[in-house]
Amino acid sequence: MHDHVDAWPFKEPVDARDVPDYYDIIKDPMDLKTMSKRVESEQYYVTFEMFVADAKRMFANARTYNSPDTIYYKCSSRLEAHFQSRVQSGLQAGAKIQQ
């Protein structure tokens, strides 16, 4: 997901100096860097569902803060579609392995 063309707005936490009211509106921020650190720690994501929940929160935050006509909102929607497709194919592959 990190290398996807629409991932660029989500690679780092939102900088409050650039977007002063972001953390007033978004109370539970998420970004790809934070998710990567959590994956690398091997302790935070006890289940795959926890990882998916953080990704969904990242997408929802982008759509909550930004209006539909912004590039950030559009990137969020496209990246989420890519993410969901990858998750679905991973789940299907896992189901085939278990059969």
N, C-alpha and C. Protein backbone atom coordinates (compact mmCIF):
# COMPACT_ATOMS: atom_id res chain seq x y z
N MET A 1 0.83 -1.18 0.00
CA MET A 1 0.00 0.00 0.00
C MET A 1 0.89 1.26 0.00
N HIS A 2 2.00 1.20 0.68
CA HIS A 2 2.90 2.34 0.81
C HIS A 2 3.42 2.82 -0.55
N ASP A 3 3.59 1.91 -1.51
CA ASP A 3 4.13 2.26 -2.82
C ASP A 3 3.06 2.65 -3.84
N HIS A 4 1.82 2.58 -3.47
CA HIS A 4 0.74 2.94 -4.39
C HIS A 4 0.82 4.42 -4.74
N VAL A 5 0.45 4.76 -5.96
CA VAL A 5 0.53 6.14 -6.45
C VAL A 5 -0.28 7.12 -5.59
N ASP A 6 -1.33 6.66 -4.94
CA ASP A 6 -2.18 7.52 -4.12
C ASP A 6 -1.82 7.51 -2.64
N ALA A 7 -0.71 6.90 -2.28
CA ALA A 7 -0.32 6.80 -0.87
C ALA A 7 0.38 8.05 -0.34
N TRP A 8 0.86 8.91 -1.22
CA TRP A 8 1.71 10.03 -0.80
C TRP A 8 1.12 10.90 0.32
N PRO A 9 -0.19 11.17 0.37
CA PRO A 9 -0.66 12.04 1.47
C PRO A 9 -0.64 11.35 2.84
N PHE A 10 -0.46 10.04 2.84
CA PHE A 10 -0.63 9.26 4.07
C PHE A 10 0.68 8.68 4.60
N LYS A 11 1.79 9.02 3.97
CA LYS A 11 3.07 8.41 4.34
C LYS A 11 3.62 8.89 5.67
N GLU A 12 3.24 10.08 6.09
CA GLU A 12 3.70 10.67 7.35
C GLU A 12 2.50 11.20 8.13
N PRO A 13 2.66 11.35 9.45
CA PRO A 13 1.58 12.00 10.22
C PRO A 13 1.34 13.42 9.71
N VAL A 14 0.12 13.88 9.82
CA VAL A 14 -0.20 15.25 9.42
C VAL A 14 0.58 16.21 10.33
N ASP A 15 1.23 17.18 9.72
CA ASP A 15 2.02 18.17 10.46
C ASP A 15 1.10 19.31 10.89
N ALA A 16 0.97 19.51 12.19
CA ALA A 16 0.08 20.54 12.73
C ALA A 16 0.52 21.94 12.32
N ARG A 17 1.79 22.11 11.95
CA ARG A 17 2.24 23.43 11.48
C ARG A 17 1.66 23.73 10.09
N ASP A 18 1.45 22.67 9.30
CA ASP A 18 0.88 22.85 7.96
C ASP A 18 -0.65 22.90 7.99
N VAL A 19 -1.23 22.16 8.91
CA VAL A 19 -2.69 22.03 9.00
C VAL A 19 -3.09 22.25 10.46
N PRO A 20 -3.14 23.52 10.90
CA PRO A 20 -3.30 23.83 12.32
C PRO A 20 -4.53 23.25 13.01
N ASP A 21 -5.64 23.10 12.30
CA ASP A 21 -6.85 22.61 12.97
C ASP A 21 -7.07 21.11 12.82
N TYR A 22 -6.14 20.42 12.18
CA TYR A 22 -6.35 19.00 11.90
C TYR A 22 -6.64 18.21 13.18
N TYR A 23 -5.82 18.41 14.21
CA TYR A 23 -5.97 17.61 15.43
C TYR A 23 -7.12 18.09 16.31
N ASP A 24 -7.71 19.23 15.97
CA ASP A 24 -8.95 19.64 16.64
C ASP A 24 -10.13 18.84 16.09
N ILE A 25 -10.03 18.48 14.82
CA ILE A 25 -11.12 17.78 14.13
C ILE A 25 -10.91 16.27 14.18
N ILE A 26 -9.67 15.83 13.95
CA ILE A 26 -9.36 14.40 13.93
C ILE A 26 -8.73 14.02 15.26
N LYS A 27 -9.48 13.30 16.07
CA LYS A 27 -9.03 12.96 17.43
C LYS A 27 -8.22 11.67 17.49
N ASP A 28 -8.31 10.85 16.47
CA ASP A 28 -7.61 9.56 16.47
C ASP A 28 -6.87 9.42 15.13
N PRO A 29 -5.79 10.19 14.94
CA PRO A 29 -5.10 10.19 13.65
C PRO A 29 -4.40 8.88 13.35
N MET A 30 -4.19 8.62 12.05
CA MET A 30 -3.46 7.42 11.62
C MET A 30 -2.79 7.74 10.29
N ASP A 31 -1.64 7.11 10.07
CA ASP A 31 -0.88 7.29 8.84
C ASP A 31 -0.05 6.03 8.59
N LEU A 32 0.51 5.94 7.39
CA LEU A 32 1.25 4.74 7.00
C LEU A 32 2.54 4.57 7.80
N LYS A 33 3.19 5.65 8.18
CA LYS A 33 4.42 5.55 8.96
C LYS A 33 4.13 4.93 10.33
N THR A 34 3.08 5.40 10.97
CA THR A 34 2.68 4.85 12.26
C THR A 34 2.32 3.37 12.12
N MET A 35 1.59 3.03 11.07
CA MET A 35 1.22 1.63 10.84
C MET A 35 2.47 0.78 10.61
N SER A 36 3.43 1.29 9.86
CA SER A 36 4.68 0.55 9.61
C SER A 36 5.43 0.30 10.90
N LYS A 37 5.50 1.31 11.75
CA LYS A 37 6.18 1.14 13.05
C LYS A 37 5.49 0.07 13.88
N ARG A 38 4.17 0.06 13.82
CA ARG A 38 3.41 -0.94 14.58
C ARG A 38 3.64 -2.34 14.03
N VAL A 39 3.74 -2.46 12.71
CA VAL A 39 4.02 -3.76 12.10
C VAL A 39 5.42 -4.23 12.51
N GLU A 40 6.40 -3.32 12.42
CA GLU A 40 7.78 -3.66 12.75
C GLU A 40 7.95 -4.05 14.21
N SER A 41 7.15 -3.48 15.09
CA SER A 41 7.27 -3.79 16.52
C SER A 41 6.87 -5.24 16.81
N GLU A 42 6.08 -5.82 15.92
CA GLU A 42 5.59 -7.20 16.05
C GLU A 42 4.81 -7.43 17.34
N GLN A 43 4.40 -6.35 18.00
CA GLN A 43 3.66 -6.50 19.25
C GLN A 43 2.31 -5.81 19.21
N TYR A 44 2.16 -4.81 18.35
CA TYR A 44 0.92 -4.02 18.38
C TYR A 44 -0.22 -4.72 17.67
N TYR A 45 0.02 -5.19 16.45
CA TYR A 45 -1.05 -5.81 15.67
C TYR A 45 -1.14 -7.29 16.02
N VAL A 46 -1.92 -7.55 17.06
CA VAL A 46 -2.10 -8.92 17.52
C VAL A 46 -2.94 -9.71 16.51
N THR A 47 -3.85 -9.00 15.84
CA THR A 47 -4.68 -9.64 14.82
C THR A 47 -4.62 -8.82 13.53
N PHE A 48 -4.93 -9.46 12.43
CA PHE A 48 -4.99 -8.78 11.15
C PHE A 48 -6.09 -7.73 11.16
N GLU A 49 -7.16 -8.01 11.88
CA GLU A 49 -8.28 -7.08 11.96
C GLU A 49 -7.86 -5.75 12.57
N MET A 50 -6.90 -5.76 13.50
CA MET A 50 -6.41 -4.52 14.10
C MET A 50 -5.69 -3.67 13.05
N PHE A 51 -4.93 -4.32 12.19
CA PHE A 51 -4.24 -3.63 11.10
C PHE A 51 -5.26 -3.01 10.14
N VAL A 52 -6.25 -3.80 9.77
CA VAL A 52 -7.30 -3.32 8.86
C VAL A 52 -8.05 -2.14 9.50
N ALA A 53 -8.31 -2.21 10.79
CA ALA A 53 -9.02 -1.13 11.48
C ALA A 53 -8.23 0.17 11.42
N ASP A 54 -6.91 0.11 11.58
CA ASP A 54 -6.10 1.32 11.49
C ASP A 54 -6.13 1.89 10.07
N ALA A 55 -6.06 1.02 9.08
CA ALA A 55 -6.12 1.49 7.68
C ALA A 55 -7.47 2.17 7.42
N LYS A 56 -8.54 1.55 7.85
CA LYS A 56 -9.87 2.13 7.66
C LYS A 56 -10.00 3.47 8.36
N ARG A 57 -9.41 3.59 9.54
CA ARG A 57 -9.45 4.85 10.28
C ARG A 57 -8.69 5.94 9.51
N MET A 58 -7.55 5.58 8.92
CA MET A 58 -6.77 6.53 8.13
C MET A 58 -7.60 7.06 6.96
N PHE A 59 -8.29 6.16 6.26
CA PHE A 59 -9.12 6.57 5.13
C PHE A 59 -10.29 7.43 5.60
N ALA A 60 -10.94 7.02 6.67
CA ALA A 60 -12.09 7.77 7.20
C ALA A 60 -11.66 9.16 7.67
N ASN A 61 -10.51 9.25 8.31
CA ASN A 61 -10.01 10.56 8.76
C ASN A 61 -9.83 11.50 7.57
N ALA A 62 -9.26 10.99 6.49
CA ALA A 62 -9.02 11.82 5.31
C ALA A 62 -10.34 12.33 4.74
N ARG A 63 -11.34 11.48 4.75
CA ARG A 63 -12.64 11.90 4.19
C ARG A 63 -13.43 12.77 5.18
N THR A 64 -13.14 12.64 6.45
CA THR A 64 -13.78 13.51 7.45
C THR A 64 -13.22 14.92 7.36
N TYR A 65 -11.91 15.03 7.26
CA TYR A 65 -11.28 16.35 7.27
C TYR A 65 -11.38 17.07 5.92
N ASN A 66 -11.29 16.33 4.84
CA ASN A 66 -11.24 16.94 3.51
C ASN A 66 -12.57 16.81 2.78
N SER A 67 -12.88 17.78 1.96
CA SER A 67 -14.12 17.71 1.17
C SER A 67 -13.91 16.82 -0.06
N PRO A 68 -15.00 16.29 -0.60
CA PRO A 68 -14.92 15.32 -1.71
C PRO A 68 -14.19 15.84 -2.95
N ASP A 69 -14.11 17.13 -3.13
CA ASP A 69 -13.47 17.65 -4.33
C ASP A 69 -11.95 17.81 -4.18
N THR A 70 -11.39 17.45 -3.01
CA THR A 70 -9.94 17.61 -2.80
C THR A 70 -9.17 16.38 -3.25
N ILE A 71 -7.92 16.58 -3.56
CA ILE A 71 -7.04 15.47 -3.96
C ILE A 71 -6.87 14.48 -2.81
N TYR A 72 -6.88 14.97 -1.57
CA TYR A 72 -6.68 14.09 -0.42
C TYR A 72 -7.85 13.12 -0.26
N TYR A 73 -9.03 13.62 -0.44
CA TYR A 73 -10.24 12.78 -0.37
C TYR A 73 -10.21 11.74 -1.49
N LYS A 74 -9.88 12.19 -2.68
CA LYS A 74 -9.83 11.28 -3.84
C LYS A 74 -8.74 10.23 -3.68
N CYS A 75 -7.57 10.64 -3.20
CA CYS A 75 -6.49 9.67 -2.96
C CYS A 75 -6.93 8.64 -1.93
N SER A 76 -7.61 9.11 -0.89
CA SER A 76 -8.09 8.21 0.15
C SER A 76 -9.03 7.15 -0.42
N SER A 77 -9.96 7.59 -1.24
CA SER A 77 -10.94 6.65 -1.82
C SER A 77 -10.26 5.64 -2.74
N ARG A 78 -9.33 6.10 -3.56
CA ARG A 78 -8.64 5.17 -4.47
C ARG A 78 -7.72 4.22 -3.71
N LEU A 79 -7.00 4.74 -2.72
CA LEU A 79 -6.11 3.88 -1.95
C LEU A 79 -6.91 2.87 -1.14
N GLU A 80 -8.04 3.28 -0.62
CA GLU A 80 -8.88 2.34 0.13
C GLU A 80 -9.40 1.23 -0.79
N ALA A 81 -9.79 1.56 -1.99
CA ALA A 81 -10.25 0.54 -2.94
C ALA A 81 -9.11 -0.45 -3.24
N HIS A 82 -7.91 0.07 -3.42
CA HIS A 82 -6.74 -0.79 -3.65
C HIS A 82 -6.50 -1.68 -2.43
N PHE A 83 -6.55 -1.09 -1.25
CA PHE A 83 -6.34 -1.83 0.00
C PHE A 83 -7.37 -2.94 0.16
N GLN A 84 -8.64 -2.60 -0.05
CA GLN A 84 -9.71 -3.59 0.10
C GLN A 84 -9.54 -4.74 -0.89
N SER A 85 -9.12 -4.42 -2.09
CA SER A 85 -8.90 -5.46 -3.09
C SER A 85 -7.76 -6.39 -2.69
N ARG A 86 -6.70 -5.80 -2.13
CA ARG A 86 -5.55 -6.62 -1.67
C ARG A 86 -5.94 -7.48 -0.48
N VAL A 87 -6.70 -6.91 0.44
CA VAL A 87 -7.16 -7.67 1.61
C VAL A 87 -8.04 -8.83 1.15
N GLN A 88 -8.96 -8.55 0.24
CA GLN A 88 -9.87 -9.58 -0.25
C GLN A 88 -9.11 -10.70 -0.94
N SER A 89 -8.13 -10.35 -1.80
CA SER A 89 -7.38 -11.41 -2.48
C SER A 89 -6.52 -12.18 -1.49
N GLY A 90 -6.02 -11.50 -0.46
CA GLY A 90 -5.25 -12.21 0.57
C GLY A 90 -6.12 -13.17 1.36
N LEU A 91 -7.33 -12.74 1.67
CA LEU A 91 -8.26 -13.62 2.41
C LEU A 91 -8.65 -14.81 1.55
N GLN A 92 -8.88 -14.59 0.26
CA GLN A 92 -9.23 -15.69 -0.64
C GLN A 92 -8.07 -16.66 -0.77
N ALA A 93 -6.84 -16.14 -0.86
CA ALA A 93 -5.66 -17.02 -0.96
C ALA A 93 -5.51 -17.84 0.31
N GLY A 94 -5.75 -17.21 1.48
CA GLY A 94 -5.68 -17.92 2.74
C GLY A 94 -6.72 -19.01 2.84
N ALA A 95 -7.92 -18.74 2.33
CA ALA A 95 -8.99 -19.74 2.35
C ALA A 95 -8.62 -20.94 1.46
N LYS A 96 -7.99 -20.68 0.32
CA LYS A 96 -7.59 -21.76 -0.57
C LYS A 96 -6.51 -22.63 0.06
N ILE A 97 -5.60 -22.00 0.81
CA ILE A 97 -4.53 -22.75 1.46
C ILE A 97 -5.12 -23.67 2.53
N GLN A 98 -6.14 -23.20 3.25
CA GLN A 98 -6.73 -23.98 4.32
C GLN A 98 -7.57 -25.14 3.82
N GLN A 99 -7.99 -25.11 2.56
CA GLN A 99 -8.87 -26.17 2.04
C GLN A 99 -8.10 -27.44 1.75
